[in-house]
Amino acid sequence: MAELSIDPARTGLLIVDLQNDFLHPDGAYARGNQKSAEIAALPARVLPLANELRSKGGWIVSTHFTLVPGKGGEPFISPHLKAMRPFLGKGDFAPGSWGHALVDELQPADLSVEKVAYSAFYMTRLEWVLKKAGIDTLIFCGIVTNGGVASTVRDAHVRDFSTIVLSDGCAAFSRETHERSIGDLGTVSKVMTCAEATALIAQA
């Protein structure tokens, strides 16, 4: 870590899908009995880093998994997702809704981007807003490690962003899956803990 230098003003904490519908006890996933203590613990673990980056002029970037409403407000849901999460329905992850929003602990975000697939770059304005903001380094946290995080990290890598993945700032529904994914992401990204990344920003 001593060899790594970082410019906070050109750095974004990319928060992948830490939304009320995923994490909050009143959210869609809790109503579907899909809960995870590891996932629920993420906002508190990431908050010191977010605050340090804010204090140094860095950016908080939030991505939001979105179920786009169609006629009558019924959401477009991919067949594979409907098969895995049959409880999802009207109003869940709807744009502008409470469930769609970033969890309170990590608000406010400087930039927010709706996404409809694992990667936050797929069919979104993410790359455009990052370039406009002058961001060239992304620190990744959020869920799930093997899904939205992994896909977005790899897409950032091929777009020549410098990337850092927070090993304890991401989670999956299985600890084994999380650990395996972190190991895989280490082939395309730097990996460090939230505490290490906070220290790196503090020293910048």
N, C-alpha and C. Protein backbone atom coordinates (compact mmCIF):
# COMPACT_ATOMS: atom_id res chain seq x y z
N MET A 1 0.82 -1.21 0.00
CA MET A 1 0.00 0.00 0.00
C MET A 1 0.86 1.26 0.00
N ALA A 2 2.08 1.17 0.57
CA ALA A 2 2.95 2.33 0.64
C ALA A 2 3.34 2.82 -0.76
N GLU A 3 3.36 1.91 -1.74
CA GLU A 3 3.75 2.29 -3.09
C GLU A 3 2.60 2.91 -3.87
N LEU A 4 1.40 2.87 -3.33
CA LEU A 4 0.23 3.36 -4.04
C LEU A 4 -0.06 4.81 -3.66
N SER A 5 -0.17 5.66 -4.66
CA SER A 5 -0.55 7.05 -4.41
C SER A 5 -1.92 7.29 -5.02
N ILE A 6 -2.63 8.25 -4.45
CA ILE A 6 -4.00 8.48 -4.89
C ILE A 6 -4.32 9.96 -4.78
N ASP A 7 -5.09 10.47 -5.73
CA ASP A 7 -5.56 11.85 -5.71
C ASP A 7 -7.03 11.82 -5.34
N PRO A 8 -7.37 12.21 -4.11
CA PRO A 8 -8.76 12.12 -3.68
C PRO A 8 -9.74 12.84 -4.59
N ALA A 9 -9.33 13.98 -5.15
CA ALA A 9 -10.23 14.77 -5.99
C ALA A 9 -10.59 14.05 -7.28
N ARG A 10 -9.78 13.05 -7.64
CA ARG A 10 -10.05 12.29 -8.87
C ARG A 10 -10.49 10.86 -8.55
N THR A 11 -10.94 10.68 -7.31
CA THR A 11 -11.30 9.35 -6.82
C THR A 11 -12.78 9.29 -6.47
N GLY A 12 -13.42 8.19 -6.84
CA GLY A 12 -14.81 7.99 -6.48
C GLY A 12 -14.98 6.71 -5.67
N LEU A 13 -15.72 6.80 -4.58
CA LEU A 13 -16.17 5.60 -3.88
C LEU A 13 -17.41 5.12 -4.60
N LEU A 14 -17.29 4.00 -5.30
CA LEU A 14 -18.41 3.49 -6.08
C LEU A 14 -19.20 2.50 -5.22
N ILE A 15 -20.35 2.93 -4.78
CA ILE A 15 -21.21 2.13 -3.90
C ILE A 15 -22.19 1.36 -4.78
N VAL A 16 -22.01 0.06 -4.85
CA VAL A 16 -22.82 -0.76 -5.74
C VAL A 16 -24.06 -1.27 -5.00
N ASP A 17 -25.20 -0.67 -5.29
CA ASP A 17 -26.52 -1.22 -4.94
C ASP A 17 -26.79 -1.35 -3.44
N LEU A 18 -26.24 -0.49 -2.63
CA LEU A 18 -26.58 -0.52 -1.20
C LEU A 18 -27.86 0.28 -1.00
N GLN A 19 -28.97 -0.33 -1.38
CA GLN A 19 -30.27 0.31 -1.45
C GLN A 19 -31.20 -0.23 -0.38
N ASN A 20 -32.20 0.56 -0.05
CA ASN A 20 -33.15 0.16 0.98
C ASN A 20 -33.85 -1.16 0.66
N ASP A 21 -34.21 -1.38 -0.59
CA ASP A 21 -34.91 -2.60 -0.95
C ASP A 21 -34.05 -3.85 -0.77
N PHE A 22 -32.73 -3.68 -0.78
CA PHE A 22 -31.83 -4.79 -0.51
C PHE A 22 -31.54 -4.96 0.98
N LEU A 23 -31.34 -3.84 1.71
CA LEU A 23 -30.78 -3.90 3.05
C LEU A 23 -31.76 -3.64 4.19
N HIS A 24 -32.73 -2.76 3.98
CA HIS A 24 -33.58 -2.31 5.09
C HIS A 24 -34.56 -3.40 5.52
N PRO A 25 -34.87 -3.49 6.81
CA PRO A 25 -35.85 -4.48 7.30
C PRO A 25 -37.22 -4.36 6.65
N ASP A 26 -37.54 -3.18 6.12
CA ASP A 26 -38.82 -2.99 5.44
C ASP A 26 -38.70 -3.09 3.92
N GLY A 27 -37.51 -3.45 3.43
CA GLY A 27 -37.27 -3.50 1.99
C GLY A 27 -37.77 -4.77 1.34
N ALA A 28 -37.67 -4.80 0.02
CA ALA A 28 -38.21 -5.91 -0.76
C ALA A 28 -37.56 -7.24 -0.41
N TYR A 29 -36.25 -7.25 -0.22
CA TYR A 29 -35.56 -8.51 0.05
C TYR A 29 -35.91 -9.05 1.44
N ALA A 30 -36.04 -8.17 2.41
CA ALA A 30 -36.45 -8.61 3.74
C ALA A 30 -37.86 -9.20 3.69
N ARG A 31 -38.75 -8.56 2.93
CA ARG A 31 -40.11 -9.09 2.79
C ARG A 31 -40.10 -10.46 2.12
N GLY A 32 -39.11 -10.70 1.28
CA GLY A 32 -38.96 -12.00 0.63
C GLY A 32 -38.11 -12.97 1.42
N ASN A 33 -37.80 -12.58 2.68
CA ASN A 33 -37.00 -13.41 3.59
C ASN A 33 -35.60 -13.68 3.05
N GLN A 34 -35.06 -12.72 2.32
CA GLN A 34 -33.70 -12.80 1.81
C GLN A 34 -32.85 -11.81 2.60
N LYS A 35 -32.25 -12.28 3.68
CA LYS A 35 -31.49 -11.41 4.57
C LYS A 35 -30.07 -11.95 4.73
N SER A 36 -29.15 -11.03 5.02
CA SER A 36 -27.76 -11.42 5.23
C SER A 36 -27.13 -10.46 6.22
N ALA A 37 -26.58 -11.00 7.30
CA ALA A 37 -25.92 -10.16 8.30
C ALA A 37 -24.68 -9.49 7.70
N GLU A 38 -23.98 -10.21 6.83
CA GLU A 38 -22.78 -9.64 6.20
C GLU A 38 -23.13 -8.43 5.35
N ILE A 39 -24.21 -8.53 4.60
CA ILE A 39 -24.64 -7.41 3.76
C ILE A 39 -25.13 -6.26 4.63
N ALA A 40 -25.91 -6.55 5.66
CA ALA A 40 -26.45 -5.51 6.53
C ALA A 40 -25.35 -4.72 7.24
N ALA A 41 -24.19 -5.34 7.44
CA ALA A 41 -23.09 -4.68 8.16
C ALA A 41 -22.28 -3.72 7.29
N LEU A 42 -22.48 -3.75 5.99
CA LEU A 42 -21.62 -2.98 5.08
C LEU A 42 -21.68 -1.46 5.28
N PRO A 43 -22.86 -0.84 5.37
CA PRO A 43 -22.86 0.63 5.46
C PRO A 43 -22.02 1.18 6.61
N ALA A 44 -22.12 0.60 7.79
CA ALA A 44 -21.34 1.08 8.93
C ALA A 44 -19.85 0.88 8.70
N ARG A 45 -19.49 -0.19 8.02
CA ARG A 45 -18.07 -0.48 7.78
C ARG A 45 -17.48 0.47 6.75
N VAL A 46 -18.30 0.88 5.79
CA VAL A 46 -17.82 1.73 4.69
C VAL A 46 -17.87 3.21 5.06
N LEU A 47 -18.72 3.59 6.01
CA LEU A 47 -18.96 5.00 6.32
C LEU A 47 -17.70 5.79 6.65
N PRO A 48 -16.76 5.30 7.49
CA PRO A 48 -15.55 6.09 7.76
C PRO A 48 -14.76 6.43 6.50
N LEU A 49 -14.68 5.49 5.58
CA LEU A 49 -13.99 5.76 4.31
C LEU A 49 -14.73 6.81 3.51
N ALA A 50 -16.05 6.69 3.44
CA ALA A 50 -16.84 7.68 2.70
C ALA A 50 -16.64 9.08 3.28
N ASN A 51 -16.65 9.18 4.59
CA ASN A 51 -16.47 10.49 5.23
C ASN A 51 -15.08 11.04 5.00
N GLU A 52 -14.07 10.18 5.04
CA GLU A 52 -12.70 10.63 4.79
C GLU A 52 -12.55 11.13 3.36
N LEU A 53 -13.13 10.40 2.42
CA LEU A 53 -13.04 10.81 1.02
C LEU A 53 -13.79 12.12 0.79
N ARG A 54 -14.96 12.26 1.41
CA ARG A 54 -15.70 13.53 1.31
C ARG A 54 -14.85 14.70 1.82
N SER A 55 -14.17 14.49 2.94
CA SER A 55 -13.39 15.57 3.55
C SER A 55 -12.20 15.98 2.70
N LYS A 56 -11.76 15.08 1.81
CA LYS A 56 -10.62 15.36 0.94
C LYS A 56 -11.05 15.78 -0.47
N GLY A 57 -12.35 16.02 -0.66
CA GLY A 57 -12.82 16.49 -1.95
C GLY A 57 -13.11 15.40 -2.96
N GLY A 58 -13.19 14.15 -2.50
CA GLY A 58 -13.49 13.05 -3.40
C GLY A 58 -14.98 12.92 -3.66
N TRP A 59 -15.33 11.90 -4.41
CA TRP A 59 -16.70 11.73 -4.90
C TRP A 59 -17.34 10.47 -4.33
N ILE A 60 -18.61 10.58 -4.00
CA ILE A 60 -19.41 9.42 -3.62
C ILE A 60 -20.35 9.12 -4.79
N VAL A 61 -20.21 7.94 -5.35
CA VAL A 61 -20.98 7.56 -6.54
C VAL A 61 -21.82 6.33 -6.19
N SER A 62 -23.12 6.45 -6.34
CA SER A 62 -24.03 5.37 -5.97
C SER A 62 -24.70 4.81 -7.20
N THR A 63 -24.66 3.47 -7.33
CA THR A 63 -25.40 2.82 -8.40
C THR A 63 -26.65 2.17 -7.81
N HIS A 64 -27.72 2.14 -8.58
CA HIS A 64 -29.02 1.71 -8.09
C HIS A 64 -29.63 0.68 -9.01
N PHE A 65 -29.69 -0.57 -8.54
CA PHE A 65 -30.41 -1.58 -9.30
C PHE A 65 -31.85 -1.11 -9.47
N THR A 66 -32.37 -1.25 -10.68
CA THR A 66 -33.67 -0.66 -11.03
C THR A 66 -34.55 -1.68 -11.75
N LEU A 67 -35.80 -1.77 -11.29
CA LEU A 67 -36.82 -2.50 -12.03
C LEU A 67 -37.71 -1.47 -12.71
N VAL A 68 -37.51 -1.33 -14.01
CA VAL A 68 -38.20 -0.28 -14.77
C VAL A 68 -39.70 -0.62 -14.87
N PRO A 69 -40.56 0.31 -14.46
CA PRO A 69 -42.00 0.04 -14.55
C PRO A 69 -42.50 0.11 -15.99
N GLY A 70 -43.39 -0.82 -16.32
CA GLY A 70 -44.05 -0.80 -17.61
C GLY A 70 -45.50 -0.35 -17.43
N LYS A 71 -46.39 -0.86 -18.24
CA LYS A 71 -47.80 -0.48 -18.15
C LYS A 71 -48.37 -0.83 -16.77
N GLY A 72 -49.12 0.12 -16.21
CA GLY A 72 -49.72 -0.10 -14.91
C GLY A 72 -48.73 -0.20 -13.78
N GLY A 73 -47.48 0.16 -14.06
CA GLY A 73 -46.45 0.11 -13.04
C GLY A 73 -45.84 -1.26 -12.82
N GLU A 74 -46.27 -2.26 -13.61
CA GLU A 74 -45.69 -3.60 -13.47
C GLU A 74 -44.25 -3.59 -14.00
N PRO A 75 -43.31 -4.06 -13.22
CA PRO A 75 -41.90 -3.94 -13.61
C PRO A 75 -41.48 -4.96 -14.66
N PHE A 76 -40.53 -4.55 -15.49
CA PHE A 76 -39.87 -5.48 -16.39
C PHE A 76 -38.84 -6.26 -15.56
N ILE A 77 -39.01 -7.56 -15.45
CA ILE A 77 -38.10 -8.39 -14.67
C ILE A 77 -37.56 -9.50 -15.57
N SER A 78 -36.25 -9.60 -15.65
CA SER A 78 -35.64 -10.65 -16.47
C SER A 78 -36.06 -12.03 -15.96
N PRO A 79 -36.29 -12.97 -16.87
CA PRO A 79 -36.75 -14.30 -16.46
C PRO A 79 -35.85 -14.97 -15.42
N HIS A 80 -34.52 -14.84 -15.58
CA HIS A 80 -33.62 -15.50 -14.62
C HIS A 80 -33.77 -14.88 -13.23
N LEU A 81 -34.00 -13.56 -13.17
CA LEU A 81 -34.17 -12.91 -11.87
C LEU A 81 -35.51 -13.30 -11.26
N LYS A 82 -36.54 -13.36 -12.06
CA LYS A 82 -37.86 -13.74 -11.55
C LYS A 82 -37.83 -15.16 -10.99
N ALA A 83 -37.04 -16.03 -11.64
CA ALA A 83 -36.93 -17.40 -11.15
C ALA A 83 -36.21 -17.46 -9.81
N MET A 84 -35.18 -16.62 -9.65
CA MET A 84 -34.42 -16.61 -8.40
C MET A 84 -35.13 -15.85 -7.29
N ARG A 85 -35.84 -14.78 -7.65
CA ARG A 85 -36.45 -13.89 -6.66
C ARG A 85 -37.93 -13.69 -7.01
N PRO A 86 -38.75 -14.72 -6.88
CA PRO A 86 -40.15 -14.64 -7.29
C PRO A 86 -40.97 -13.63 -6.48
N PHE A 87 -40.46 -13.19 -5.34
CA PHE A 87 -41.18 -12.23 -4.50
C PHE A 87 -41.14 -10.81 -5.05
N LEU A 88 -40.26 -10.52 -6.00
CA LEU A 88 -40.16 -9.17 -6.53
C LEU A 88 -41.42 -8.82 -7.33
N GLY A 89 -41.89 -7.58 -7.14
CA GLY A 89 -43.11 -7.19 -7.83
C GLY A 89 -43.26 -5.70 -7.97
N LYS A 90 -44.47 -5.27 -8.20
CA LYS A 90 -44.79 -3.88 -8.46
C LYS A 90 -44.32 -2.98 -7.32
N GLY A 91 -43.59 -1.93 -7.67
CA GLY A 91 -43.10 -0.96 -6.69
C GLY A 91 -41.71 -1.24 -6.17
N ASP A 92 -41.23 -2.48 -6.30
CA ASP A 92 -39.89 -2.81 -5.82
C ASP A 92 -38.83 -2.22 -6.75
N PHE A 93 -37.81 -1.61 -6.16
CA PHE A 93 -36.71 -1.03 -6.90
C PHE A 93 -37.18 -0.07 -8.00
N ALA A 94 -38.32 0.59 -7.77
CA ALA A 94 -38.86 1.52 -8.76
C ALA A 94 -38.11 2.84 -8.70
N PRO A 95 -37.79 3.44 -9.83
CA PRO A 95 -37.06 4.71 -9.84
C PRO A 95 -37.75 5.76 -8.99
N GLY A 96 -36.98 6.42 -8.14
CA GLY A 96 -37.51 7.49 -7.30
C GLY A 96 -38.19 7.03 -6.04
N SER A 97 -38.32 5.72 -5.85
CA SER A 97 -39.00 5.20 -4.67
C SER A 97 -38.04 5.12 -3.49
N TRP A 98 -38.61 4.96 -2.29
CA TRP A 98 -37.79 4.80 -1.08
C TRP A 98 -36.91 3.56 -1.18
N GLY A 99 -37.46 2.47 -1.67
CA GLY A 99 -36.70 1.24 -1.77
C GLY A 99 -35.54 1.32 -2.74
N HIS A 100 -35.66 2.17 -3.74
CA HIS A 100 -34.64 2.34 -4.77
C HIS A 100 -33.46 3.16 -4.26
N ALA A 101 -33.66 3.93 -3.19
CA ALA A 101 -32.67 4.90 -2.73
C ALA A 101 -31.50 4.26 -2.01
N LEU A 102 -30.39 4.96 -2.01
CA LEU A 102 -29.22 4.61 -1.20
C LEU A 102 -29.60 4.63 0.27
N VAL A 103 -29.09 3.67 1.05
CA VAL A 103 -29.40 3.64 2.47
C VAL A 103 -28.99 4.95 3.14
N ASP A 104 -29.74 5.32 4.15
CA ASP A 104 -29.54 6.62 4.80
C ASP A 104 -28.13 6.81 5.31
N GLU A 105 -27.51 5.75 5.84
CA GLU A 105 -26.19 5.88 6.47
C GLU A 105 -25.13 6.45 5.53
N LEU A 106 -25.28 6.18 4.25
CA LEU A 106 -24.24 6.58 3.30
C LEU A 106 -24.63 7.78 2.45
N GLN A 107 -25.80 8.31 2.64
CA GLN A 107 -26.19 9.51 1.90
C GLN A 107 -25.47 10.74 2.44
N PRO A 108 -25.31 11.78 1.59
CA PRO A 108 -25.77 11.84 0.20
C PRO A 108 -24.69 11.36 -0.77
N ALA A 109 -25.12 10.93 -1.93
CA ALA A 109 -24.19 10.63 -3.02
C ALA A 109 -24.05 11.86 -3.90
N ASP A 110 -22.85 12.04 -4.44
CA ASP A 110 -22.62 13.15 -5.37
C ASP A 110 -23.16 12.82 -6.76
N LEU A 111 -23.06 11.56 -7.12
CA LEU A 111 -23.53 11.09 -8.42
C LEU A 111 -24.32 9.80 -8.21
N SER A 112 -25.44 9.67 -8.90
CA SER A 112 -26.25 8.47 -8.80
C SER A 112 -26.61 7.98 -10.21
N VAL A 113 -26.55 6.68 -10.38
CA VAL A 113 -26.80 6.10 -11.70
C VAL A 113 -27.71 4.89 -11.56
N GLU A 114 -28.81 4.88 -12.32
CA GLU A 114 -29.69 3.70 -12.37
C GLU A 114 -29.04 2.64 -13.24
N LYS A 115 -29.22 1.37 -12.86
CA LYS A 115 -28.70 0.27 -13.65
C LYS A 115 -29.74 -0.84 -13.75
N VAL A 116 -29.68 -1.60 -14.83
CA VAL A 116 -30.69 -2.65 -15.06
C VAL A 116 -30.06 -4.03 -15.16
N ALA A 117 -28.74 -4.12 -15.00
CA ALA A 117 -28.03 -5.40 -15.10
C ALA A 117 -26.91 -5.40 -14.06
N TYR A 118 -26.14 -6.49 -14.02
CA TYR A 118 -25.06 -6.56 -13.04
C TYR A 118 -24.11 -5.38 -13.16
N SER A 119 -23.60 -5.14 -14.35
CA SER A 119 -22.63 -4.06 -14.52
C SER A 119 -23.30 -2.70 -14.54
N ALA A 120 -22.75 -1.79 -13.76
CA ALA A 120 -23.28 -0.42 -13.72
C ALA A 120 -22.89 0.38 -14.96
N PHE A 121 -22.05 -0.21 -15.81
CA PHE A 121 -21.70 0.46 -17.07
C PHE A 121 -22.65 0.07 -18.21
N TYR A 122 -23.39 -1.03 -18.05
CA TYR A 122 -24.22 -1.54 -19.14
C TYR A 122 -25.44 -0.64 -19.37
N MET A 123 -25.47 0.00 -20.53
CA MET A 123 -26.59 0.84 -20.95
C MET A 123 -26.89 1.97 -19.95
N THR A 124 -25.85 2.52 -19.31
CA THR A 124 -26.05 3.62 -18.37
C THR A 124 -25.14 4.80 -18.74
N ARG A 125 -25.30 5.87 -18.00
CA ARG A 125 -24.48 7.08 -18.20
C ARG A 125 -23.26 7.08 -17.29
N LEU A 126 -22.95 5.97 -16.61
CA LEU A 126 -21.89 5.98 -15.59
C LEU A 126 -20.55 6.46 -16.14
N GLU A 127 -20.10 5.89 -17.23
CA GLU A 127 -18.79 6.30 -17.76
C GLU A 127 -18.78 7.79 -18.10
N TRP A 128 -19.88 8.28 -18.65
CA TRP A 128 -19.97 9.69 -19.02
C TRP A 128 -19.84 10.60 -17.80
N VAL A 129 -20.58 10.29 -16.71
CA VAL A 129 -20.51 11.18 -15.54
C VAL A 129 -19.17 11.07 -14.85
N LEU A 130 -18.56 9.89 -14.83
CA LEU A 130 -17.24 9.76 -14.22
C LEU A 130 -16.21 10.60 -14.97
N LYS A 131 -16.26 10.56 -16.29
CA LYS A 131 -15.32 11.36 -17.09
C LYS A 131 -15.57 12.85 -16.89
N LYS A 132 -16.84 13.26 -16.85
CA LYS A 132 -17.15 14.67 -16.65
C LYS A 132 -16.67 15.16 -15.29
N ALA A 133 -16.72 14.29 -14.29
CA ALA A 133 -16.28 14.65 -12.94
C ALA A 133 -14.76 14.58 -12.79
N GLY A 134 -14.08 14.06 -13.79
CA GLY A 134 -12.62 13.96 -13.71
C GLY A 134 -12.15 12.78 -12.86
N ILE A 135 -13.01 11.80 -12.67
CA ILE A 135 -12.67 10.64 -11.84
C ILE A 135 -11.93 9.60 -12.67
N ASP A 136 -10.75 9.19 -12.18
CA ASP A 136 -10.01 8.14 -12.87
C ASP A 136 -9.68 6.95 -11.97
N THR A 137 -10.03 7.07 -10.69
CA THR A 137 -9.80 5.99 -9.73
C THR A 137 -11.11 5.66 -9.03
N LEU A 138 -11.45 4.39 -8.95
CA LEU A 138 -12.69 3.95 -8.33
C LEU A 138 -12.39 2.97 -7.21
N ILE A 139 -12.98 3.22 -6.05
CA ILE A 139 -12.89 2.32 -4.90
C ILE A 139 -14.26 1.65 -4.77
N PHE A 140 -14.29 0.33 -4.84
CA PHE A 140 -15.56 -0.41 -4.93
C PHE A 140 -15.99 -1.00 -3.60
N CYS A 141 -17.27 -0.77 -3.30
CA CYS A 141 -17.91 -1.46 -2.19
C CYS A 141 -19.32 -1.82 -2.63
N GLY A 142 -19.99 -2.70 -1.86
CA GLY A 142 -21.38 -2.98 -2.17
C GLY A 142 -21.68 -4.45 -2.39
N ILE A 143 -22.76 -4.69 -3.13
CA ILE A 143 -23.28 -6.05 -3.30
C ILE A 143 -23.68 -6.30 -4.76
N VAL A 144 -23.76 -7.60 -5.08
CA VAL A 144 -23.07 -8.67 -4.40
C VAL A 144 -21.70 -8.80 -5.04
N THR A 145 -20.75 -9.35 -4.26
CA THR A 145 -19.37 -9.38 -4.72
C THR A 145 -19.24 -10.08 -6.06
N ASN A 146 -19.93 -11.19 -6.21
CA ASN A 146 -19.83 -11.99 -7.43
C ASN A 146 -20.74 -11.53 -8.56
N GLY A 147 -21.58 -10.54 -8.30
CA GLY A 147 -22.52 -10.05 -9.30
C GLY A 147 -22.23 -8.62 -9.71
N GLY A 148 -22.97 -7.68 -9.12
CA GLY A 148 -22.83 -6.28 -9.50
C GLY A 148 -21.43 -5.73 -9.29
N VAL A 149 -20.78 -6.12 -8.19
CA VAL A 149 -19.43 -5.63 -7.93
C VAL A 149 -18.46 -6.16 -8.97
N ALA A 150 -18.42 -7.47 -9.12
CA ALA A 150 -17.45 -8.09 -10.04
C ALA A 150 -17.63 -7.60 -11.48
N SER A 151 -18.87 -7.53 -11.93
CA SER A 151 -19.13 -7.12 -13.32
C SER A 151 -18.72 -5.67 -13.54
N THR A 152 -19.00 -4.80 -12.56
CA THR A 152 -18.66 -3.39 -12.72
C THR A 152 -17.16 -3.16 -12.62
N VAL A 153 -16.49 -3.89 -11.72
CA VAL A 153 -15.03 -3.78 -11.61
C VAL A 153 -14.37 -4.18 -12.93
N ARG A 154 -14.81 -5.27 -13.50
CA ARG A 154 -14.18 -5.72 -14.75
C ARG A 154 -14.45 -4.75 -15.89
N ASP A 155 -15.65 -4.18 -15.94
CA ASP A 155 -15.94 -3.19 -16.98
C ASP A 155 -15.13 -1.91 -16.76
N ALA A 156 -14.90 -1.54 -15.50
CA ALA A 156 -14.06 -0.38 -15.22
C ALA A 156 -12.62 -0.65 -15.65
N HIS A 157 -12.17 -1.86 -15.42
CA HIS A 157 -10.80 -2.26 -15.78
C HIS A 157 -10.56 -2.11 -17.28
N VAL A 158 -11.50 -2.58 -18.11
CA VAL A 158 -11.30 -2.50 -19.55
C VAL A 158 -11.47 -1.07 -20.06
N ARG A 159 -12.01 -0.20 -19.23
CA ARG A 159 -12.13 1.22 -19.59
C ARG A 159 -10.99 2.05 -19.03
N ASP A 160 -9.98 1.39 -18.50
CA ASP A 160 -8.74 2.02 -18.03
C ASP A 160 -8.91 2.87 -16.76
N PHE A 161 -9.91 2.59 -15.96
CA PHE A 161 -9.97 3.19 -14.63
C PHE A 161 -9.03 2.41 -13.71
N SER A 162 -8.40 3.13 -12.79
CA SER A 162 -7.66 2.49 -11.72
C SER A 162 -8.68 2.04 -10.68
N THR A 163 -8.59 0.80 -10.22
CA THR A 163 -9.62 0.27 -9.33
C THR A 163 -9.05 -0.33 -8.06
N ILE A 164 -9.82 -0.17 -6.99
CA ILE A 164 -9.53 -0.78 -5.70
C ILE A 164 -10.82 -1.45 -5.24
N VAL A 165 -10.74 -2.70 -4.84
CA VAL A 165 -11.90 -3.41 -4.30
C VAL A 165 -11.71 -3.58 -2.80
N LEU A 166 -12.73 -3.22 -2.04
CA LEU A 166 -12.66 -3.34 -0.59
C LEU A 166 -13.07 -4.75 -0.17
N SER A 167 -12.13 -5.51 0.33
CA SER A 167 -12.38 -6.91 0.65
C SER A 167 -13.43 -7.07 1.75
N ASP A 168 -13.49 -6.11 2.67
CA ASP A 168 -14.49 -6.16 3.74
C ASP A 168 -15.59 -5.12 3.54
N GLY A 169 -15.60 -4.49 2.38
CA GLY A 169 -16.63 -3.50 2.05
C GLY A 169 -17.62 -4.02 1.03
N CYS A 170 -17.46 -5.29 0.67
CA CYS A 170 -18.37 -5.97 -0.25
C CYS A 170 -18.87 -7.24 0.43
N ALA A 171 -19.97 -7.77 -0.06
CA ALA A 171 -20.50 -9.01 0.50
C ALA A 171 -21.37 -9.72 -0.52
N ALA A 172 -21.55 -11.02 -0.28
CA ALA A 172 -22.45 -11.84 -1.09
C ALA A 172 -23.34 -12.61 -0.11
N PHE A 173 -24.26 -13.37 -0.65
CA PHE A 173 -25.14 -14.15 0.22
C PHE A 173 -24.45 -15.39 0.78
N SER A 174 -23.25 -15.67 0.29
CA SER A 174 -22.44 -16.77 0.80
C SER A 174 -21.02 -16.25 1.04
N ARG A 175 -20.47 -16.54 2.22
CA ARG A 175 -19.11 -16.10 2.53
C ARG A 175 -18.11 -16.74 1.58
N GLU A 176 -18.33 -18.01 1.25
CA GLU A 176 -17.43 -18.70 0.34
C GLU A 176 -17.45 -18.04 -1.04
N THR A 177 -18.62 -17.70 -1.51
CA THR A 177 -18.74 -17.03 -2.81
C THR A 177 -18.03 -15.68 -2.78
N HIS A 178 -18.19 -14.94 -1.69
CA HIS A 178 -17.52 -13.65 -1.55
C HIS A 178 -16.01 -13.81 -1.61
N GLU A 179 -15.46 -14.73 -0.83
CA GLU A 179 -14.02 -14.91 -0.78
C GLU A 179 -13.45 -15.33 -2.13
N ARG A 180 -14.16 -16.22 -2.80
CA ARG A 180 -13.71 -16.67 -4.12
C ARG A 180 -13.71 -15.50 -5.11
N SER A 181 -14.73 -14.67 -5.04
CA SER A 181 -14.84 -13.53 -5.95
C SER A 181 -13.75 -12.49 -5.70
N ILE A 182 -13.47 -12.23 -4.42
CA ILE A 182 -12.39 -11.29 -4.09
C ILE A 182 -11.06 -11.80 -4.64
N GLY A 183 -10.82 -13.10 -4.52
CA GLY A 183 -9.60 -13.67 -5.07
C GLY A 183 -9.52 -13.49 -6.57
N ASP A 184 -10.63 -13.71 -7.26
CA ASP A 184 -10.66 -13.54 -8.71
C ASP A 184 -10.44 -12.08 -9.10
N LEU A 185 -11.06 -11.17 -8.37
CA LEU A 185 -10.94 -9.75 -8.71
C LEU A 185 -9.52 -9.22 -8.49
N GLY A 186 -8.78 -9.90 -7.64
CA GLY A 186 -7.39 -9.50 -7.41
C GLY A 186 -6.51 -9.63 -8.65
N THR A 187 -7.00 -10.31 -9.68
CA THR A 187 -6.24 -10.42 -10.92
C THR A 187 -6.38 -9.17 -11.79
N VAL A 188 -7.40 -8.33 -11.53
CA VAL A 188 -7.62 -7.14 -12.36
C VAL A 188 -7.67 -5.86 -11.53
N SER A 189 -7.59 -5.97 -10.21
CA SER A 189 -7.77 -4.80 -9.36
C SER A 189 -6.91 -4.93 -8.10
N LYS A 190 -6.56 -3.77 -7.53
CA LYS A 190 -5.97 -3.80 -6.19
C LYS A 190 -7.07 -4.18 -5.20
N VAL A 191 -6.70 -4.87 -4.16
CA VAL A 191 -7.64 -5.26 -3.11
C VAL A 191 -7.09 -4.79 -1.77
N MET A 192 -7.93 -4.14 -0.97
CA MET A 192 -7.53 -3.72 0.37
C MET A 192 -8.74 -3.64 1.28
N THR A 193 -8.51 -3.49 2.56
CA THR A 193 -9.60 -3.37 3.52
C THR A 193 -10.10 -1.93 3.57
N CYS A 194 -11.26 -1.75 4.19
CA CYS A 194 -11.78 -0.39 4.37
C CYS A 194 -10.81 0.47 5.17
N ALA A 195 -10.23 -0.10 6.21
CA ALA A 195 -9.29 0.65 7.05
C ALA A 195 -8.05 1.06 6.25
N GLU A 196 -7.54 0.16 5.43
CA GLU A 196 -6.37 0.48 4.62
C GLU A 196 -6.68 1.58 3.62
N ALA A 197 -7.84 1.51 2.99
CA ALA A 197 -8.23 2.54 2.03
C ALA A 197 -8.46 3.89 2.71
N THR A 198 -9.03 3.87 3.90
CA THR A 198 -9.24 5.12 4.65
C THR A 198 -7.91 5.76 4.98
N ALA A 199 -6.94 4.95 5.40
CA ALA A 199 -5.60 5.46 5.71
C ALA A 199 -4.93 6.02 4.45
N LEU A 200 -5.12 5.35 3.33
CA LEU A 200 -4.55 5.82 2.07
C LEU A 200 -5.09 7.20 1.70
N ILE A 201 -6.40 7.38 1.85
CA ILE A 201 -7.00 8.69 1.58
C ILE A 201 -6.53 9.73 2.57
N ALA A 202 -6.45 9.36 3.83
CA ALA A 202 -6.03 10.31 4.87
C ALA A 202 -4.61 10.83 4.63
N GLN A 203 -3.78 9.97 4.08
CA GLN A 203 -2.37 10.34 3.83
C GLN A 203 -2.18 11.12 2.54
N ALA A 204 -3.19 11.15 1.70
CA ALA A 204 -3.07 11.78 0.37
C ALA A 204 -2.97 13.29 0.48
